[in-house]
Amino acid sequence: MSGIELFSERDFKGDSVSLDADTADLRLAGFDNYTKSMRITGDPWVVFAEVSYKGEFKAYKEGDYASIPSFENKISSVRVVKGGLSDPEITVYEHVNYGGRAVTLKKNAEDLRTYGFDKMISSHKVSRGGWILYENTHYQGNKMLALAGDQVPNYVPLGWNDKVSSIKLISALAANE
């Protein structure tokens, strides 16, 4: 089973909260912007600087993080990457509701023109792993995170319809990095 334990002080001290599922708002657990160290078991977790899985984010592998300098007192929501990051796969679709042409990726796509799919994506399904979808080529511009199990049938309400130009695998930090 995967879990994340958040601590209010460095070196796993102070108050703590243990979670075993995605949590969109750490205010509900009394832990919004309150984490200085963490312990992860099982699958990797992604931590976000804003509630509802928005803002700056970083992925972490299983391990003990006695301090998290780049995210200290910044974590507001968390998601688990079910199944881990190995053997990643995302399928992107030309139209909403998974219609039209489709491309299945298992590696980075720095420029979707290579696939004849630049700024043509309207929906996606993630089979495994974690991905970052970028508005511009070469992994630049606005980004959207997509994790294993995610199925997004319509980019229109998200403001992402026909905007994706590159897609990159997420990588997770290990405890010694």
N, C-alpha and C. Protein backbone atom coordinates (compact mmCIF):
# COMPACT_ATOMS: atom_id res chain seq x y z
N MET A 1 0.83 -1.19 0.00
CA MET A 1 0.00 0.00 0.00
C MET A 1 0.88 1.25 0.00
N SER A 2 0.46 2.25 -0.72
CA SER A 2 1.21 3.49 -0.80
C SER A 2 0.69 4.48 0.22
N GLY A 3 1.62 5.27 0.74
CA GLY A 3 1.23 6.28 1.71
C GLY A 3 2.22 7.42 1.75
N ILE A 4 1.78 8.53 2.29
CA ILE A 4 2.65 9.67 2.51
C ILE A 4 2.36 10.18 3.92
N GLU A 5 3.43 10.40 4.68
CA GLU A 5 3.30 10.96 6.02
C GLU A 5 3.99 12.31 6.01
N LEU A 6 3.27 13.34 6.36
CA LEU A 6 3.78 14.70 6.37
C LEU A 6 4.06 15.12 7.81
N PHE A 7 5.18 15.83 8.00
CA PHE A 7 5.59 16.28 9.33
C PHE A 7 5.75 17.79 9.34
N SER A 8 5.41 18.41 10.47
CA SER A 8 5.47 19.87 10.59
C SER A 8 6.88 20.39 10.84
N GLU A 9 7.79 19.50 11.20
CA GLU A 9 9.17 19.90 11.45
C GLU A 9 10.13 19.02 10.65
N ARG A 10 11.33 19.49 10.47
CA ARG A 10 12.36 18.68 9.79
C ARG A 10 12.67 17.45 10.64
N ASP A 11 13.27 16.46 9.98
CA ASP A 11 13.70 15.22 10.65
C ASP A 11 12.53 14.46 11.28
N PHE A 12 11.35 14.54 10.65
CA PHE A 12 10.19 13.73 11.05
C PHE A 12 9.71 14.04 12.47
N LYS A 13 9.81 15.30 12.84
CA LYS A 13 9.38 15.73 14.17
C LYS A 13 8.14 16.62 14.06
N GLY A 14 7.56 16.90 15.20
CA GLY A 14 6.39 17.77 15.25
C GLY A 14 5.11 17.03 14.93
N ASP A 15 4.08 17.79 14.59
CA ASP A 15 2.79 17.19 14.22
C ASP A 15 2.95 16.41 12.93
N SER A 16 2.07 15.44 12.73
CA SER A 16 2.13 14.67 11.48
C SER A 16 0.72 14.27 11.05
N VAL A 17 0.62 13.96 9.76
CA VAL A 17 -0.62 13.43 9.20
C VAL A 17 -0.24 12.36 8.19
N SER A 18 -0.94 11.24 8.22
CA SER A 18 -0.70 10.13 7.29
C SER A 18 -1.85 10.05 6.30
N LEU A 19 -1.51 9.92 5.02
CA LEU A 19 -2.51 9.85 3.96
C LEU A 19 -2.25 8.63 3.09
N ASP A 20 -3.32 8.00 2.61
CA ASP A 20 -3.15 6.86 1.72
C ASP A 20 -3.94 7.03 0.43
N ALA A 21 -4.43 8.25 0.19
CA ALA A 21 -5.19 8.54 -1.04
C ALA A 21 -4.95 10.00 -1.43
N ASP A 22 -5.25 10.30 -2.69
CA ASP A 22 -5.15 11.67 -3.16
C ASP A 22 -5.90 12.59 -2.21
N THR A 23 -5.31 13.75 -1.94
CA THR A 23 -5.95 14.73 -1.06
C THR A 23 -5.87 16.09 -1.74
N ALA A 24 -7.01 16.60 -2.17
CA ALA A 24 -7.07 17.84 -2.94
C ALA A 24 -6.88 19.10 -2.10
N ASP A 25 -7.08 18.99 -0.79
CA ASP A 25 -7.02 20.18 0.05
C ASP A 25 -6.52 19.80 1.44
N LEU A 26 -5.25 20.07 1.71
CA LEU A 26 -4.67 19.71 3.00
C LEU A 26 -5.17 20.59 4.14
N ARG A 27 -5.92 21.64 3.84
CA ARG A 27 -6.53 22.43 4.91
C ARG A 27 -7.49 21.55 5.71
N LEU A 28 -8.13 20.61 5.03
CA LEU A 28 -9.08 19.71 5.70
C LEU A 28 -8.39 18.82 6.72
N ALA A 29 -7.09 18.58 6.52
CA ALA A 29 -6.31 17.78 7.46
C ALA A 29 -5.52 18.67 8.41
N GLY A 30 -5.70 19.98 8.29
CA GLY A 30 -4.96 20.92 9.14
C GLY A 30 -3.49 20.98 8.80
N PHE A 31 -3.14 20.71 7.52
CA PHE A 31 -1.73 20.62 7.16
C PHE A 31 -1.38 21.42 5.92
N ASP A 32 -2.16 22.41 5.56
CA ASP A 32 -1.87 23.24 4.39
C ASP A 32 -0.65 24.11 4.66
N ASN A 33 0.33 24.05 3.77
CA ASN A 33 1.56 24.85 3.88
C ASN A 33 2.24 24.66 5.24
N TYR A 34 2.27 23.43 5.70
CA TYR A 34 2.73 23.14 7.06
C TYR A 34 3.82 22.06 7.09
N THR A 35 4.23 21.53 5.93
CA THR A 35 5.13 20.38 5.87
C THR A 35 6.59 20.78 5.71
N LYS A 36 7.45 20.20 6.57
CA LYS A 36 8.89 20.43 6.48
C LYS A 36 9.68 19.15 6.24
N SER A 37 9.04 17.99 6.43
CA SER A 37 9.67 16.70 6.12
C SER A 37 8.56 15.72 5.80
N MET A 38 8.94 14.61 5.14
CA MET A 38 7.90 13.63 4.79
C MET A 38 8.51 12.26 4.57
N ARG A 39 7.65 11.27 4.68
CA ARG A 39 8.03 9.87 4.48
C ARG A 39 7.05 9.28 3.47
N ILE A 40 7.60 8.65 2.42
CA ILE A 40 6.76 8.07 1.37
C ILE A 40 7.01 6.57 1.31
N THR A 41 5.92 5.80 1.28
CA THR A 41 6.01 4.35 1.13
C THR A 41 5.25 3.94 -0.12
N GLY A 42 5.78 2.93 -0.80
CA GLY A 42 5.12 2.42 -2.00
C GLY A 42 5.33 3.30 -3.21
N ASP A 43 4.25 3.55 -3.93
CA ASP A 43 4.31 4.33 -5.18
C ASP A 43 4.75 5.77 -4.93
N PRO A 44 5.27 6.42 -5.98
CA PRO A 44 5.64 7.84 -5.86
C PRO A 44 4.42 8.72 -5.59
N TRP A 45 4.68 9.88 -5.03
CA TRP A 45 3.64 10.87 -4.77
C TRP A 45 4.04 12.18 -5.42
N VAL A 46 3.05 12.95 -5.84
CA VAL A 46 3.27 14.30 -6.36
C VAL A 46 2.69 15.27 -5.35
N VAL A 47 3.49 16.28 -4.99
CA VAL A 47 3.03 17.31 -4.06
C VAL A 47 2.82 18.60 -4.85
N PHE A 48 1.81 19.36 -4.46
CA PHE A 48 1.43 20.58 -5.19
C PHE A 48 1.43 21.77 -4.24
N ALA A 49 1.77 22.94 -4.79
CA ALA A 49 1.82 24.17 -4.00
C ALA A 49 0.45 24.80 -3.80
N GLU A 50 -0.55 24.32 -4.53
CA GLU A 50 -1.90 24.87 -4.39
C GLU A 50 -2.90 23.74 -4.19
N VAL A 51 -4.05 24.07 -3.65
CA VAL A 51 -5.11 23.08 -3.49
C VAL A 51 -5.62 22.65 -4.86
N SER A 52 -6.32 21.53 -4.89
CA SER A 52 -6.91 20.99 -6.12
C SER A 52 -5.87 20.64 -7.17
N TYR A 53 -4.67 20.24 -6.70
CA TYR A 53 -3.61 19.75 -7.58
C TYR A 53 -3.18 20.80 -8.60
N LYS A 54 -3.04 22.02 -8.15
CA LYS A 54 -2.65 23.11 -9.03
C LYS A 54 -1.33 23.72 -8.56
N GLY A 55 -0.78 24.57 -9.41
CA GLY A 55 0.45 25.27 -9.09
C GLY A 55 1.69 24.42 -9.28
N GLU A 56 2.77 24.91 -8.72
CA GLU A 56 4.05 24.21 -8.81
C GLU A 56 3.90 22.81 -8.21
N PHE A 57 4.60 21.83 -8.79
CA PHE A 57 4.52 20.47 -8.27
C PHE A 57 5.86 19.77 -8.41
N LYS A 58 6.02 18.71 -7.62
CA LYS A 58 7.23 17.89 -7.68
C LYS A 58 6.85 16.47 -7.28
N ALA A 59 7.48 15.49 -7.94
CA ALA A 59 7.23 14.08 -7.65
C ALA A 59 8.37 13.53 -6.79
N TYR A 60 8.01 12.66 -5.85
CA TYR A 60 8.99 12.04 -4.95
C TYR A 60 8.78 10.53 -4.92
N LYS A 61 9.89 9.80 -4.98
CA LYS A 61 9.86 8.34 -4.88
C LYS A 61 9.77 7.91 -3.42
N GLU A 62 9.58 6.61 -3.22
CA GLU A 62 9.55 6.04 -1.87
C GLU A 62 10.84 6.42 -1.15
N GLY A 63 10.71 6.85 0.10
CA GLY A 63 11.88 7.20 0.88
C GLY A 63 11.55 8.15 2.01
N ASP A 64 12.59 8.46 2.79
CA ASP A 64 12.48 9.39 3.91
C ASP A 64 13.12 10.72 3.52
N TYR A 65 12.38 11.79 3.62
CA TYR A 65 12.84 13.13 3.25
C TYR A 65 12.89 13.97 4.52
N ALA A 66 14.06 14.00 5.17
CA ALA A 66 14.23 14.71 6.44
C ALA A 66 14.02 16.21 6.29
N SER A 67 14.21 16.70 5.08
CA SER A 67 13.90 18.09 4.76
C SER A 67 13.51 18.15 3.29
N ILE A 68 12.75 19.15 2.94
CA ILE A 68 12.32 19.33 1.54
C ILE A 68 12.47 20.81 1.20
N PRO A 69 13.72 21.27 1.07
CA PRO A 69 13.99 22.70 0.92
C PRO A 69 13.14 23.41 -0.14
N SER A 70 12.96 22.80 -1.30
CA SER A 70 12.23 23.49 -2.36
C SER A 70 10.72 23.52 -2.14
N PHE A 71 10.23 22.72 -1.19
CA PHE A 71 8.79 22.68 -0.96
C PHE A 71 8.42 22.87 0.51
N GLU A 72 9.37 23.31 1.32
CA GLU A 72 9.09 23.49 2.75
C GLU A 72 7.95 24.50 2.94
N ASN A 73 6.96 24.10 3.73
CA ASN A 73 5.78 24.92 4.03
C ASN A 73 5.03 25.39 2.78
N LYS A 74 5.08 24.57 1.72
CA LYS A 74 4.41 24.92 0.47
C LYS A 74 3.35 23.91 0.05
N ILE A 75 3.31 22.73 0.62
CA ILE A 75 2.44 21.66 0.12
C ILE A 75 0.99 21.90 0.52
N SER A 76 0.10 21.94 -0.50
CA SER A 76 -1.33 22.17 -0.26
C SER A 76 -2.22 21.04 -0.73
N SER A 77 -1.69 20.15 -1.60
CA SER A 77 -2.43 18.98 -2.05
C SER A 77 -1.44 17.92 -2.51
N VAL A 78 -1.88 16.66 -2.51
CA VAL A 78 -1.00 15.54 -2.86
C VAL A 78 -1.76 14.49 -3.68
N ARG A 79 -1.02 13.85 -4.60
CA ARG A 79 -1.59 12.74 -5.39
C ARG A 79 -0.59 11.60 -5.47
N VAL A 80 -1.09 10.38 -5.43
CA VAL A 80 -0.25 9.20 -5.58
C VAL A 80 -0.21 8.83 -7.07
N VAL A 81 0.96 8.36 -7.53
CA VAL A 81 1.10 7.86 -8.90
C VAL A 81 0.89 6.35 -8.83
N LYS A 82 -0.34 5.91 -9.00
CA LYS A 82 -0.69 4.50 -8.85
C LYS A 82 0.07 3.64 -9.85
N GLY A 83 0.76 2.62 -9.34
CA GLY A 83 1.52 1.74 -10.21
C GLY A 83 2.93 2.22 -10.49
N GLY A 84 3.28 3.38 -9.98
CA GLY A 84 4.64 3.89 -10.15
C GLY A 84 4.87 4.56 -11.50
N LEU A 85 6.15 4.78 -11.79
CA LEU A 85 6.52 5.53 -12.99
C LEU A 85 7.09 4.65 -14.10
N SER A 86 7.25 3.35 -13.85
CA SER A 86 7.84 2.49 -14.88
C SER A 86 6.81 2.12 -15.94
N ASP A 87 7.29 1.83 -17.14
CA ASP A 87 6.45 1.43 -18.27
C ASP A 87 5.30 2.41 -18.51
N PRO A 88 5.61 3.71 -18.64
CA PRO A 88 4.57 4.73 -18.79
C PRO A 88 3.85 4.65 -20.13
N GLU A 89 2.59 5.10 -20.13
CA GLU A 89 1.82 5.12 -21.38
C GLU A 89 0.67 6.12 -21.27
N ILE A 90 0.58 6.98 -22.27
CA ILE A 90 -0.53 7.93 -22.38
C ILE A 90 -1.05 7.87 -23.82
N THR A 91 -2.36 7.94 -23.96
CA THR A 91 -2.97 8.04 -25.29
C THR A 91 -3.67 9.38 -25.38
N VAL A 92 -3.31 10.14 -26.41
CA VAL A 92 -3.92 11.45 -26.64
C VAL A 92 -4.81 11.36 -27.88
N TYR A 93 -5.89 12.13 -27.84
CA TYR A 93 -6.91 12.03 -28.89
C TYR A 93 -7.15 13.39 -29.54
N GLU A 94 -7.47 13.33 -30.81
CA GLU A 94 -7.69 14.53 -31.60
C GLU A 94 -8.96 15.28 -31.19
N HIS A 95 -9.98 14.56 -30.79
CA HIS A 95 -11.26 15.19 -30.46
C HIS A 95 -11.67 14.90 -29.01
N VAL A 96 -12.66 15.63 -28.53
CA VAL A 96 -13.20 15.37 -27.20
C VAL A 96 -13.83 13.98 -27.17
N ASN A 97 -14.00 13.47 -25.96
CA ASN A 97 -14.59 12.15 -25.74
C ASN A 97 -13.82 11.04 -26.45
N TYR A 98 -12.49 11.23 -26.54
CA TYR A 98 -11.58 10.21 -27.08
C TYR A 98 -11.88 9.89 -28.54
N GLY A 99 -12.30 10.88 -29.30
CA GLY A 99 -12.62 10.66 -30.70
C GLY A 99 -11.50 11.08 -31.64
N GLY A 100 -11.66 10.73 -32.90
CA GLY A 100 -10.69 11.10 -33.93
C GLY A 100 -9.43 10.27 -33.85
N ARG A 101 -8.38 10.80 -34.45
CA ARG A 101 -7.10 10.10 -34.44
C ARG A 101 -6.56 10.02 -33.01
N ALA A 102 -5.75 9.00 -32.77
CA ALA A 102 -5.14 8.83 -31.44
C ALA A 102 -3.66 8.49 -31.61
N VAL A 103 -2.87 8.93 -30.66
CA VAL A 103 -1.45 8.58 -30.60
C VAL A 103 -1.17 8.08 -29.19
N THR A 104 -0.53 6.92 -29.09
CA THR A 104 -0.12 6.38 -27.79
C THR A 104 1.38 6.60 -27.65
N LEU A 105 1.76 7.25 -26.55
CA LEU A 105 3.17 7.55 -26.28
C LEU A 105 3.67 6.73 -25.11
N LYS A 106 4.92 6.30 -25.22
CA LYS A 106 5.60 5.59 -24.13
C LYS A 106 6.93 6.26 -23.81
N LYS A 107 7.19 7.38 -24.46
CA LYS A 107 8.42 8.14 -24.24
C LYS A 107 8.12 9.62 -24.47
N ASN A 108 9.09 10.46 -24.15
CA ASN A 108 8.94 11.89 -24.32
C ASN A 108 8.65 12.24 -25.78
N ALA A 109 7.89 13.29 -25.97
CA ALA A 109 7.62 13.84 -27.31
C ALA A 109 7.91 15.34 -27.23
N GLU A 110 9.13 15.70 -27.59
CA GLU A 110 9.59 17.08 -27.48
C GLU A 110 8.85 18.03 -28.44
N ASP A 111 8.36 17.46 -29.54
CA ASP A 111 7.65 18.25 -30.54
C ASP A 111 6.60 17.36 -31.20
N LEU A 112 5.33 17.62 -30.91
CA LEU A 112 4.25 16.77 -31.42
C LEU A 112 4.05 16.90 -32.93
N ARG A 113 4.75 17.84 -33.58
CA ARG A 113 4.69 17.89 -35.04
C ARG A 113 5.26 16.61 -35.63
N THR A 114 6.18 15.97 -34.90
CA THR A 114 6.75 14.69 -35.33
C THR A 114 5.65 13.65 -35.54
N TYR A 115 4.60 13.75 -34.77
CA TYR A 115 3.48 12.81 -34.84
C TYR A 115 2.31 13.37 -35.65
N GLY A 116 2.48 14.56 -36.20
CA GLY A 116 1.38 15.22 -36.90
C GLY A 116 0.25 15.57 -35.95
N PHE A 117 0.62 15.92 -34.70
CA PHE A 117 -0.39 16.12 -33.65
C PHE A 117 -0.21 17.43 -32.89
N ASP A 118 0.56 18.36 -33.43
CA ASP A 118 0.82 19.62 -32.73
C ASP A 118 -0.46 20.45 -32.61
N LYS A 119 -0.77 20.86 -31.41
CA LYS A 119 -1.94 21.70 -31.10
C LYS A 119 -3.23 21.10 -31.66
N MET A 120 -3.36 19.78 -31.51
CA MET A 120 -4.55 19.08 -32.02
C MET A 120 -5.21 18.20 -30.97
N ILE A 121 -4.71 18.18 -29.74
CA ILE A 121 -5.20 17.25 -28.72
C ILE A 121 -6.38 17.86 -27.97
N SER A 122 -7.43 17.02 -27.79
CA SER A 122 -8.63 17.48 -27.09
C SER A 122 -9.04 16.59 -25.93
N SER A 123 -8.37 15.43 -25.76
CA SER A 123 -8.67 14.52 -24.64
C SER A 123 -7.52 13.54 -24.48
N HIS A 124 -7.45 12.89 -23.30
CA HIS A 124 -6.40 11.88 -23.08
C HIS A 124 -6.82 10.85 -22.04
N LYS A 125 -6.09 9.72 -22.08
CA LYS A 125 -6.20 8.67 -21.06
C LYS A 125 -4.78 8.25 -20.70
N VAL A 126 -4.51 8.15 -19.39
CA VAL A 126 -3.19 7.71 -18.93
C VAL A 126 -3.31 6.29 -18.40
N SER A 127 -2.63 5.37 -19.05
CA SER A 127 -2.63 3.97 -18.61
C SER A 127 -1.68 3.76 -17.44
N ARG A 128 -0.46 4.32 -17.58
CA ARG A 128 0.56 4.12 -16.55
C ARG A 128 1.48 5.34 -16.49
N GLY A 129 2.07 5.54 -15.32
CA GLY A 129 3.08 6.58 -15.16
C GLY A 129 2.49 7.96 -14.96
N GLY A 130 3.36 8.94 -15.15
CA GLY A 130 2.97 10.33 -15.01
C GLY A 130 3.56 11.15 -16.14
N TRP A 131 2.82 12.12 -16.60
CA TRP A 131 3.19 12.90 -17.77
C TRP A 131 2.93 14.38 -17.51
N ILE A 132 3.72 15.23 -18.18
CA ILE A 132 3.47 16.66 -18.18
C ILE A 132 3.19 17.06 -19.62
N LEU A 133 2.04 17.67 -19.85
CA LEU A 133 1.67 18.15 -21.17
C LEU A 133 1.97 19.64 -21.21
N TYR A 134 2.71 20.08 -22.24
CA TYR A 134 3.14 21.47 -22.35
C TYR A 134 2.46 22.17 -23.53
N GLU A 135 2.25 23.46 -23.34
CA GLU A 135 1.61 24.26 -24.37
C GLU A 135 2.53 24.50 -25.57
N ASN A 136 3.83 24.52 -25.35
CA ASN A 136 4.78 24.79 -26.43
C ASN A 136 5.72 23.60 -26.63
N THR A 137 6.42 23.60 -27.76
CA THR A 137 7.40 22.56 -28.03
C THR A 137 8.56 22.68 -27.04
N HIS A 138 9.37 21.63 -26.97
CA HIS A 138 10.57 21.60 -26.13
C HIS A 138 10.25 21.81 -24.65
N TYR A 139 9.07 21.36 -24.24
CA TYR A 139 8.66 21.38 -22.83
C TYR A 139 8.66 22.79 -22.24
N GLN A 140 8.07 23.69 -22.97
CA GLN A 140 8.01 25.09 -22.55
C GLN A 140 6.55 25.53 -22.41
N GLY A 141 6.35 26.60 -21.66
CA GLY A 141 5.03 27.21 -21.53
C GLY A 141 4.19 26.58 -20.43
N ASN A 142 2.91 26.88 -20.45
CA ASN A 142 1.99 26.35 -19.45
C ASN A 142 2.00 24.83 -19.49
N LYS A 143 1.71 24.22 -18.34
CA LYS A 143 1.75 22.76 -18.29
C LYS A 143 0.58 22.19 -17.52
N MET A 144 0.26 20.94 -17.85
CA MET A 144 -0.82 20.21 -17.20
C MET A 144 -0.27 18.84 -16.83
N LEU A 145 -0.53 18.40 -15.61
CA LEU A 145 -0.07 17.09 -15.14
C LEU A 145 -1.13 16.04 -15.42
N ALA A 146 -0.67 14.86 -15.84
CA ALA A 146 -1.56 13.73 -16.11
C ALA A 146 -0.95 12.48 -15.47
N LEU A 147 -1.70 11.83 -14.56
CA LEU A 147 -1.19 10.67 -13.83
C LEU A 147 -1.97 9.41 -14.16
N ALA A 148 -1.35 8.27 -13.87
CA ALA A 148 -1.97 6.96 -14.12
C ALA A 148 -3.42 6.95 -13.65
N GLY A 149 -4.29 6.48 -14.53
CA GLY A 149 -5.71 6.41 -14.21
C GLY A 149 -6.51 7.63 -14.64
N ASP A 150 -5.82 8.73 -14.93
CA ASP A 150 -6.53 9.94 -15.35
C ASP A 150 -7.17 9.72 -16.72
N GLN A 151 -8.39 10.15 -16.83
CA GLN A 151 -9.10 10.15 -18.11
C GLN A 151 -9.77 11.51 -18.23
N VAL A 152 -9.30 12.30 -19.18
CA VAL A 152 -9.84 13.64 -19.37
C VAL A 152 -10.52 13.68 -20.74
N PRO A 153 -11.85 13.61 -20.76
CA PRO A 153 -12.57 13.50 -22.03
C PRO A 153 -12.72 14.80 -22.81
N ASN A 154 -12.45 15.95 -22.15
CA ASN A 154 -12.72 17.21 -22.82
C ASN A 154 -11.81 18.31 -22.27
N TYR A 155 -10.89 18.79 -23.10
CA TYR A 155 -9.98 19.86 -22.69
C TYR A 155 -10.63 21.24 -22.72
N VAL A 156 -11.77 21.38 -23.38
CA VAL A 156 -12.39 22.70 -23.56
C VAL A 156 -12.63 23.42 -22.23
N PRO A 157 -13.28 22.78 -21.23
CA PRO A 157 -13.51 23.51 -19.97
C PRO A 157 -12.22 23.83 -19.22
N LEU A 158 -11.15 23.13 -19.55
CA LEU A 158 -9.86 23.37 -18.89
C LEU A 158 -9.07 24.47 -19.58
N GLY A 159 -9.54 24.92 -20.74
CA GLY A 159 -8.81 25.91 -21.51
C GLY A 159 -7.60 25.33 -22.23
N TRP A 160 -7.60 24.03 -22.47
CA TRP A 160 -6.45 23.35 -23.07
C TRP A 160 -6.74 22.78 -24.46
N ASN A 161 -7.91 22.97 -24.99
CA ASN A 161 -8.25 22.37 -26.28
C ASN A 161 -7.31 22.85 -27.38
N ASP A 162 -6.72 21.91 -28.10
CA ASP A 162 -5.82 22.19 -29.23
C ASP A 162 -4.64 23.08 -28.84
N LYS A 163 -4.09 22.88 -27.65
CA LYS A 163 -2.97 23.70 -27.20
C LYS A 163 -1.69 22.91 -26.93
N VAL A 164 -1.74 21.59 -26.78
CA VAL A 164 -0.57 20.81 -26.38
C VAL A 164 0.40 20.64 -27.55
N SER A 165 1.70 20.95 -27.29
CA SER A 165 2.73 20.83 -28.32
C SER A 165 3.86 19.89 -27.94
N SER A 166 3.98 19.53 -26.66
CA SER A 166 5.00 18.56 -26.24
C SER A 166 4.53 17.85 -24.98
N ILE A 167 5.04 16.63 -24.79
CA ILE A 167 4.64 15.80 -23.65
C ILE A 167 5.88 15.13 -23.09
N LYS A 168 6.03 15.19 -21.76
CA LYS A 168 7.23 14.66 -21.11
C LYS A 168 6.85 13.78 -19.92
N LEU A 169 7.61 12.71 -19.75
CA LEU A 169 7.46 11.85 -18.57
C LEU A 169 7.84 12.63 -17.33
N ILE A 170 7.15 12.40 -16.22
CA ILE A 170 7.63 13.01 -14.98
C ILE A 170 8.69 12.10 -14.40
N SER A 171 9.61 12.70 -13.70
CA SER A 171 10.61 11.93 -12.97
C SER A 171 10.46 12.30 -11.51
N ALA A 172 10.78 11.35 -10.65
CA ALA A 172 10.61 11.59 -9.21
C ALA A 172 11.97 11.67 -8.54
N LEU A 173 12.06 12.54 -7.57
CA LEU A 173 13.28 12.65 -6.78
C LEU A 173 13.37 11.48 -5.82
N ALA A 174 14.57 10.99 -5.63
CA ALA A 174 14.81 9.97 -4.62
C ALA A 174 15.21 10.66 -3.32
N ALA A 175 15.14 9.95 -2.22
CA ALA A 175 15.40 10.55 -0.91
C ALA A 175 16.80 11.14 -0.79
N ASN A 176 17.76 10.64 -1.55
CA ASN A 176 19.13 11.14 -1.42
C ASN A 176 19.44 12.25 -2.41
N GLU A 177 18.45 12.73 -3.16
CA GLU A 177 18.69 13.81 -4.13
C GLU A 177 18.37 15.16 -3.54
